[in-house]
N, C-alpha and C. Protein backbone atom coordinates (compact mmCIF):
# COMPACT_ATOMS: atom_id res chain seq x y z
N UNK A 1 40.94 -63.99 -26.94
CA UNK A 1 39.65 -64.51 -26.52
C UNK A 1 38.90 -65.07 -27.72
N UNK A 2 38.10 -66.07 -27.46
CA UNK A 2 37.27 -66.64 -28.52
C UNK A 2 35.95 -65.87 -28.59
N UNK A 3 35.22 -66.10 -29.67
CA UNK A 3 33.91 -65.45 -29.82
C UNK A 3 33.00 -65.83 -28.66
N UNK A 4 33.01 -67.10 -28.28
CA UNK A 4 32.16 -67.55 -27.16
C UNK A 4 32.54 -66.85 -25.86
N UNK A 5 33.83 -66.73 -25.59
CA UNK A 5 34.29 -66.06 -24.37
C UNK A 5 33.87 -64.59 -24.36
N UNK A 6 34.00 -63.95 -25.51
CA UNK A 6 33.61 -62.55 -25.62
C UNK A 6 32.11 -62.40 -25.38
N UNK A 7 31.32 -63.27 -25.99
CA UNK A 7 29.86 -63.19 -25.82
C UNK A 7 29.45 -63.43 -24.37
N UNK A 8 30.13 -64.34 -23.68
CA UNK A 8 29.83 -64.59 -22.27
C UNK A 8 30.17 -63.37 -21.43
N UNK A 9 31.33 -62.77 -21.70
CA UNK A 9 31.73 -61.59 -20.93
C UNK A 9 30.77 -60.42 -21.19
N UNK A 10 30.35 -60.23 -22.42
CA UNK A 10 29.38 -59.18 -22.73
C UNK A 10 28.07 -59.43 -21.99
N UNK A 11 27.65 -60.69 -21.91
CA UNK A 11 26.45 -61.03 -21.15
C UNK A 11 26.58 -60.66 -19.69
N UNK A 12 27.77 -60.93 -19.11
CA UNK A 12 28.00 -60.57 -17.70
C UNK A 12 28.00 -59.05 -17.52
N UNK A 13 28.57 -58.34 -18.48
CA UNK A 13 28.58 -56.88 -18.41
C UNK A 13 27.15 -56.35 -18.43
N UNK A 14 26.31 -56.89 -19.30
CA UNK A 14 24.91 -56.46 -19.36
C UNK A 14 24.21 -56.67 -18.03
N UNK A 15 24.47 -57.81 -17.40
CA UNK A 15 23.87 -58.11 -16.09
C UNK A 15 24.36 -57.11 -15.04
N UNK A 16 25.66 -56.83 -15.04
CA UNK A 16 26.22 -55.88 -14.08
C UNK A 16 25.66 -54.48 -14.31
N UNK A 17 25.49 -54.09 -15.56
CA UNK A 17 24.94 -52.77 -15.86
C UNK A 17 23.50 -52.64 -15.37
N UNK A 18 22.74 -53.72 -15.49
CA UNK A 18 21.34 -53.69 -15.05
C UNK A 18 21.23 -53.54 -13.53
N UNK A 19 22.28 -53.90 -12.81
CA UNK A 19 22.27 -53.81 -11.35
C UNK A 19 22.67 -52.43 -10.82
N UNK A 20 23.17 -51.58 -11.68
CA UNK A 20 23.61 -50.27 -11.23
C UNK A 20 22.40 -49.42 -10.86
N UNK A 21 22.48 -48.82 -9.69
CA UNK A 21 21.39 -47.97 -9.18
C UNK A 21 21.67 -46.51 -9.54
N UNK A 22 21.30 -45.60 -8.66
CA UNK A 22 21.48 -44.16 -8.90
C UNK A 22 22.94 -43.85 -9.20
N UNK A 23 23.13 -42.99 -10.19
CA UNK A 23 24.50 -42.61 -10.54
C UNK A 23 24.53 -41.17 -11.02
N UNK A 24 25.69 -40.59 -10.97
CA UNK A 24 25.91 -39.25 -11.49
C UNK A 24 27.39 -39.06 -11.74
N UNK A 25 27.72 -38.24 -12.77
CA UNK A 25 29.13 -37.96 -13.05
C UNK A 25 29.64 -36.88 -12.10
N UNK A 26 30.95 -36.74 -12.04
CA UNK A 26 31.53 -35.62 -11.33
C UNK A 26 32.55 -36.02 -10.29
N UNK A 27 32.93 -35.02 -9.52
CA UNK A 27 33.89 -35.23 -8.44
C UNK A 27 33.54 -34.30 -7.28
N UNK A 28 33.94 -34.72 -6.10
CA UNK A 28 33.70 -33.93 -4.89
C UNK A 28 34.99 -33.26 -4.46
N UNK A 29 34.86 -32.06 -3.93
CA UNK A 29 36.01 -31.36 -3.38
C UNK A 29 35.57 -30.57 -2.15
N UNK A 30 36.54 -30.19 -1.33
CA UNK A 30 36.26 -29.38 -0.15
C UNK A 30 36.57 -27.93 -0.49
N UNK A 31 35.66 -27.05 -0.12
CA UNK A 31 35.80 -25.63 -0.43
C UNK A 31 35.71 -24.80 0.85
N UNK A 32 36.44 -23.70 0.84
CA UNK A 32 36.38 -22.71 1.91
C UNK A 32 36.03 -21.39 1.25
N UNK A 33 35.09 -20.66 1.83
CA UNK A 33 34.57 -19.45 1.18
C UNK A 33 34.77 -18.20 2.02
N UNK A 34 34.72 -17.07 1.32
CA UNK A 34 34.75 -15.75 1.93
C UNK A 34 33.35 -15.16 1.74
N UNK A 35 32.78 -14.64 2.81
CA UNK A 35 31.43 -14.08 2.72
C UNK A 35 31.47 -12.58 2.41
N UNK A 36 30.31 -11.97 2.38
CA UNK A 36 30.22 -10.55 2.06
C UNK A 36 30.03 -9.66 3.28
N UNK A 37 30.13 -10.21 4.47
CA UNK A 37 29.90 -9.44 5.69
C UNK A 37 31.16 -8.66 6.06
N UNK A 38 31.00 -7.35 6.15
CA UNK A 38 32.13 -6.48 6.48
C UNK A 38 32.62 -6.80 7.89
N UNK A 39 33.92 -6.93 8.06
CA UNK A 39 34.51 -7.20 9.37
C UNK A 39 34.45 -8.66 9.79
N UNK A 40 34.01 -9.55 8.93
CA UNK A 40 33.92 -10.98 9.27
C UNK A 40 35.32 -11.58 9.40
N UNK A 41 35.43 -12.64 10.17
CA UNK A 41 36.71 -13.33 10.38
C UNK A 41 37.34 -13.80 9.08
N UNK A 42 36.52 -14.05 8.06
CA UNK A 42 37.05 -14.55 6.79
C UNK A 42 37.77 -13.47 6.00
N UNK A 43 37.60 -12.20 6.41
CA UNK A 43 38.23 -11.09 5.68
C UNK A 43 39.39 -10.48 6.46
N UNK A 44 39.77 -11.10 7.55
CA UNK A 44 40.88 -10.58 8.35
C UNK A 44 42.13 -10.47 7.47
N UNK A 45 42.77 -9.33 7.49
CA UNK A 45 43.93 -9.10 6.62
C UNK A 45 45.17 -9.83 7.11
N UNK A 46 45.27 -10.09 8.41
CA UNK A 46 46.44 -10.78 8.97
C UNK A 46 46.29 -12.29 8.91
N UNK A 47 45.18 -12.80 9.44
CA UNK A 47 44.96 -14.24 9.48
C UNK A 47 43.51 -14.55 9.12
N UNK A 48 43.17 -14.53 7.83
CA UNK A 48 41.78 -14.82 7.45
C UNK A 48 41.39 -16.25 7.80
N UNK A 49 40.19 -16.40 8.31
CA UNK A 49 39.67 -17.72 8.68
C UNK A 49 38.41 -17.94 7.85
N UNK A 50 38.59 -18.55 6.69
CA UNK A 50 37.48 -18.73 5.75
C UNK A 50 36.42 -19.67 6.31
N UNK A 51 35.20 -19.52 5.80
CA UNK A 51 34.08 -20.37 6.19
C UNK A 51 34.20 -21.72 5.49
N UNK A 52 33.84 -22.76 6.20
CA UNK A 52 33.89 -24.09 5.61
C UNK A 52 34.46 -25.09 6.57
N UNK A 53 34.76 -26.26 6.14
CA UNK A 53 34.74 -26.69 4.74
C UNK A 53 33.32 -27.04 4.26
N UNK A 54 33.11 -26.81 2.99
CA UNK A 54 31.88 -27.18 2.31
C UNK A 54 32.23 -28.22 1.25
N UNK A 55 31.35 -29.17 1.04
CA UNK A 55 31.58 -30.18 0.01
C UNK A 55 30.93 -29.70 -1.28
N UNK A 56 31.71 -29.71 -2.34
CA UNK A 56 31.23 -29.22 -3.63
C UNK A 56 31.31 -30.32 -4.68
N UNK A 57 30.24 -30.49 -5.43
CA UNK A 57 30.17 -31.44 -6.54
C UNK A 57 30.36 -30.65 -7.84
N UNK A 58 31.26 -31.11 -8.69
CA UNK A 58 31.48 -30.48 -10.00
C UNK A 58 31.40 -31.55 -11.07
N UNK A 59 30.73 -31.19 -12.18
CA UNK A 59 30.64 -32.12 -13.30
C UNK A 59 30.31 -31.37 -14.58
N UNK A 60 30.53 -32.05 -15.70
CA UNK A 60 30.17 -31.52 -17.01
C UNK A 60 29.18 -32.49 -17.62
N UNK A 61 28.03 -31.96 -18.07
CA UNK A 61 27.03 -32.79 -18.72
C UNK A 61 26.52 -32.03 -19.94
N UNK A 62 26.53 -32.68 -21.08
CA UNK A 62 26.12 -32.10 -22.35
C UNK A 62 26.83 -30.77 -22.61
N UNK A 63 28.12 -30.76 -22.30
CA UNK A 63 28.95 -29.59 -22.56
C UNK A 63 28.79 -28.46 -21.57
N UNK A 64 27.97 -28.64 -20.56
CA UNK A 64 27.73 -27.58 -19.58
C UNK A 64 28.36 -27.96 -18.24
N UNK A 65 29.21 -27.08 -17.74
CA UNK A 65 29.86 -27.28 -16.46
C UNK A 65 28.91 -26.86 -15.34
N UNK A 66 28.81 -27.71 -14.31
CA UNK A 66 27.90 -27.44 -13.20
C UNK A 66 28.61 -27.68 -11.87
N UNK A 67 28.31 -26.83 -10.92
CA UNK A 67 28.86 -26.96 -9.57
C UNK A 67 27.72 -26.80 -8.58
N UNK A 68 27.69 -27.71 -7.60
CA UNK A 68 26.65 -27.66 -6.56
C UNK A 68 27.28 -27.96 -5.21
N UNK A 69 26.76 -27.29 -4.20
CA UNK A 69 27.19 -27.62 -2.84
C UNK A 69 26.33 -28.78 -2.35
N UNK A 70 26.96 -29.70 -1.64
CA UNK A 70 26.29 -30.89 -1.13
C UNK A 70 26.24 -30.79 0.39
N UNK A 71 25.06 -30.98 0.93
CA UNK A 71 24.90 -30.91 2.39
C UNK A 71 25.61 -32.11 3.03
N UNK A 72 26.13 -31.91 4.24
CA UNK A 72 26.90 -32.98 4.90
C UNK A 72 26.18 -34.33 4.96
N UNK A 73 24.87 -34.33 5.21
CA UNK A 73 24.14 -35.60 5.33
C UNK A 73 23.92 -36.27 3.96
N UNK A 74 24.23 -35.56 2.86
CA UNK A 74 24.04 -36.12 1.52
C UNK A 74 25.34 -36.62 0.88
N UNK A 75 26.47 -36.34 1.52
CA UNK A 75 27.77 -36.67 0.93
C UNK A 75 27.92 -38.16 0.67
N UNK A 76 27.51 -38.99 1.61
CA UNK A 76 27.65 -40.44 1.44
C UNK A 76 26.89 -40.93 0.22
N UNK A 77 25.65 -40.46 0.05
CA UNK A 77 24.83 -40.87 -1.10
C UNK A 77 25.45 -40.40 -2.41
N UNK A 78 25.96 -39.18 -2.42
CA UNK A 78 26.59 -38.66 -3.65
C UNK A 78 27.85 -39.45 -3.98
N UNK A 79 28.64 -39.79 -2.97
CA UNK A 79 29.83 -40.61 -3.23
C UNK A 79 29.44 -41.95 -3.84
N UNK A 80 28.38 -42.54 -3.36
CA UNK A 80 27.89 -43.80 -3.90
C UNK A 80 27.45 -43.63 -5.36
N UNK A 81 26.77 -42.54 -5.66
CA UNK A 81 26.35 -42.26 -7.03
C UNK A 81 27.55 -42.06 -7.96
N UNK A 82 28.57 -41.38 -7.47
CA UNK A 82 29.79 -41.17 -8.26
C UNK A 82 30.49 -42.49 -8.55
N UNK A 83 30.54 -43.36 -7.54
CA UNK A 83 31.16 -44.68 -7.72
C UNK A 83 30.37 -45.51 -8.72
N UNK A 84 29.04 -45.43 -8.66
CA UNK A 84 28.20 -46.17 -9.61
C UNK A 84 28.44 -45.67 -11.04
N UNK A 85 28.61 -44.37 -11.19
CA UNK A 85 28.87 -43.82 -12.52
C UNK A 85 30.22 -44.29 -13.06
N UNK A 86 31.23 -44.31 -12.19
CA UNK A 86 32.55 -44.81 -12.61
C UNK A 86 32.46 -46.27 -13.03
N UNK A 87 31.68 -47.04 -12.30
CA UNK A 87 31.48 -48.47 -12.65
C UNK A 87 30.78 -48.57 -14.00
N UNK A 88 29.75 -47.76 -14.21
CA UNK A 88 29.03 -47.73 -15.48
C UNK A 88 29.98 -47.42 -16.63
N UNK A 89 30.80 -46.40 -16.48
CA UNK A 89 31.74 -46.00 -17.53
C UNK A 89 32.75 -47.13 -17.82
N UNK A 90 33.26 -47.75 -16.76
CA UNK A 90 34.24 -48.83 -16.94
C UNK A 90 33.61 -50.00 -17.70
N UNK A 91 32.41 -50.38 -17.30
CA UNK A 91 31.74 -51.51 -17.94
C UNK A 91 31.40 -51.21 -19.40
N UNK A 92 30.91 -50.01 -19.68
CA UNK A 92 30.56 -49.69 -21.07
C UNK A 92 31.81 -49.60 -21.95
N UNK A 93 32.90 -49.10 -21.40
CA UNK A 93 34.15 -49.06 -22.17
C UNK A 93 34.64 -50.47 -22.48
N UNK A 94 34.54 -51.35 -21.50
CA UNK A 94 34.93 -52.75 -21.72
C UNK A 94 34.03 -53.39 -22.77
N UNK A 95 32.74 -53.11 -22.70
CA UNK A 95 31.78 -53.66 -23.67
C UNK A 95 32.14 -53.21 -25.08
N UNK A 96 32.43 -51.94 -25.25
CA UNK A 96 32.81 -51.43 -26.58
C UNK A 96 34.08 -52.11 -27.07
N UNK A 97 35.06 -52.24 -26.19
CA UNK A 97 36.31 -52.92 -26.56
C UNK A 97 36.03 -54.35 -27.01
N UNK A 98 35.22 -55.06 -26.24
CA UNK A 98 34.88 -56.44 -26.60
C UNK A 98 34.06 -56.51 -27.88
N UNK A 99 33.16 -55.56 -28.08
CA UNK A 99 32.34 -55.54 -29.30
C UNK A 99 33.21 -55.36 -30.54
N UNK A 100 34.23 -54.52 -30.43
CA UNK A 100 35.16 -54.32 -31.56
C UNK A 100 35.92 -55.61 -31.83
N UNK A 101 36.42 -56.22 -30.77
CA UNK A 101 37.15 -57.49 -30.92
C UNK A 101 36.24 -58.57 -31.50
N UNK A 102 35.00 -58.62 -31.03
CA UNK A 102 34.02 -59.60 -31.51
C UNK A 102 33.75 -59.40 -33.00
N UNK A 103 33.52 -58.17 -33.39
CA UNK A 103 33.26 -57.86 -34.81
C UNK A 103 34.45 -58.24 -35.68
N UNK A 104 35.65 -57.97 -35.20
CA UNK A 104 36.85 -58.30 -35.97
C UNK A 104 37.00 -59.81 -36.14
N UNK A 105 36.77 -60.55 -35.08
CA UNK A 105 36.86 -62.01 -35.17
C UNK A 105 35.83 -62.57 -36.15
N UNK A 106 34.62 -62.04 -36.12
CA UNK A 106 33.59 -62.50 -37.05
C UNK A 106 33.96 -62.17 -38.50
N UNK A 107 34.56 -61.00 -38.72
CA UNK A 107 35.01 -60.65 -40.08
C UNK A 107 36.09 -61.62 -40.56
N UNK A 108 36.99 -61.94 -39.68
CA UNK A 108 38.08 -62.87 -40.02
C UNK A 108 37.51 -64.25 -40.33
N UNK A 109 36.51 -64.68 -39.56
CA UNK A 109 35.90 -65.98 -39.81
C UNK A 109 35.20 -66.02 -41.17
N UNK A 110 34.44 -64.95 -41.49
CA UNK A 110 33.75 -64.92 -42.78
C UNK A 110 34.74 -64.80 -43.92
N UNK A 111 35.84 -64.08 -43.72
CA UNK A 111 36.88 -63.96 -44.74
C UNK A 111 37.52 -65.31 -45.00
N UNK A 112 37.79 -66.04 -43.90
CA UNK A 112 38.39 -67.38 -44.05
C UNK A 112 37.44 -68.35 -44.72
N UNK A 113 36.15 -68.25 -44.37
CA UNK A 113 35.13 -69.13 -45.00
C UNK A 113 35.01 -68.82 -46.49
N UNK A 114 35.08 -67.56 -46.85
CA UNK A 114 34.92 -67.15 -48.26
C UNK A 114 36.12 -67.57 -49.10
N UNK A 115 37.29 -67.66 -48.47
CA UNK A 115 38.50 -68.01 -49.24
C UNK A 115 38.65 -69.52 -49.43
N UNK A 116 37.79 -70.29 -48.83
CA UNK A 116 37.88 -71.75 -48.97
C UNK A 116 37.24 -72.25 -50.22
């Protein structure tokens, strides 16, 4: 890629990043739980029938692992936030890659200019 092409792509990345709405890191999983009620169906020794499924969000932020249960009516919004975060990460990684390439090309140009 040329310097101009890299600069144009970085400009598009900045525009796309500005359009990202609510986001959050993590992943969703389905969980089944055992309660503390004596004699409950979830504690049956022959055929336990656990409670659930429950949707659980797990993520790590600033070195701290967090898990939260997500209510059924909130799952769609959380999925959208997770997708936005993945998009954010992909775009910023591409930007860094392009910035490194851009810096290297500029160094090569100044090196070539200096050797003339």
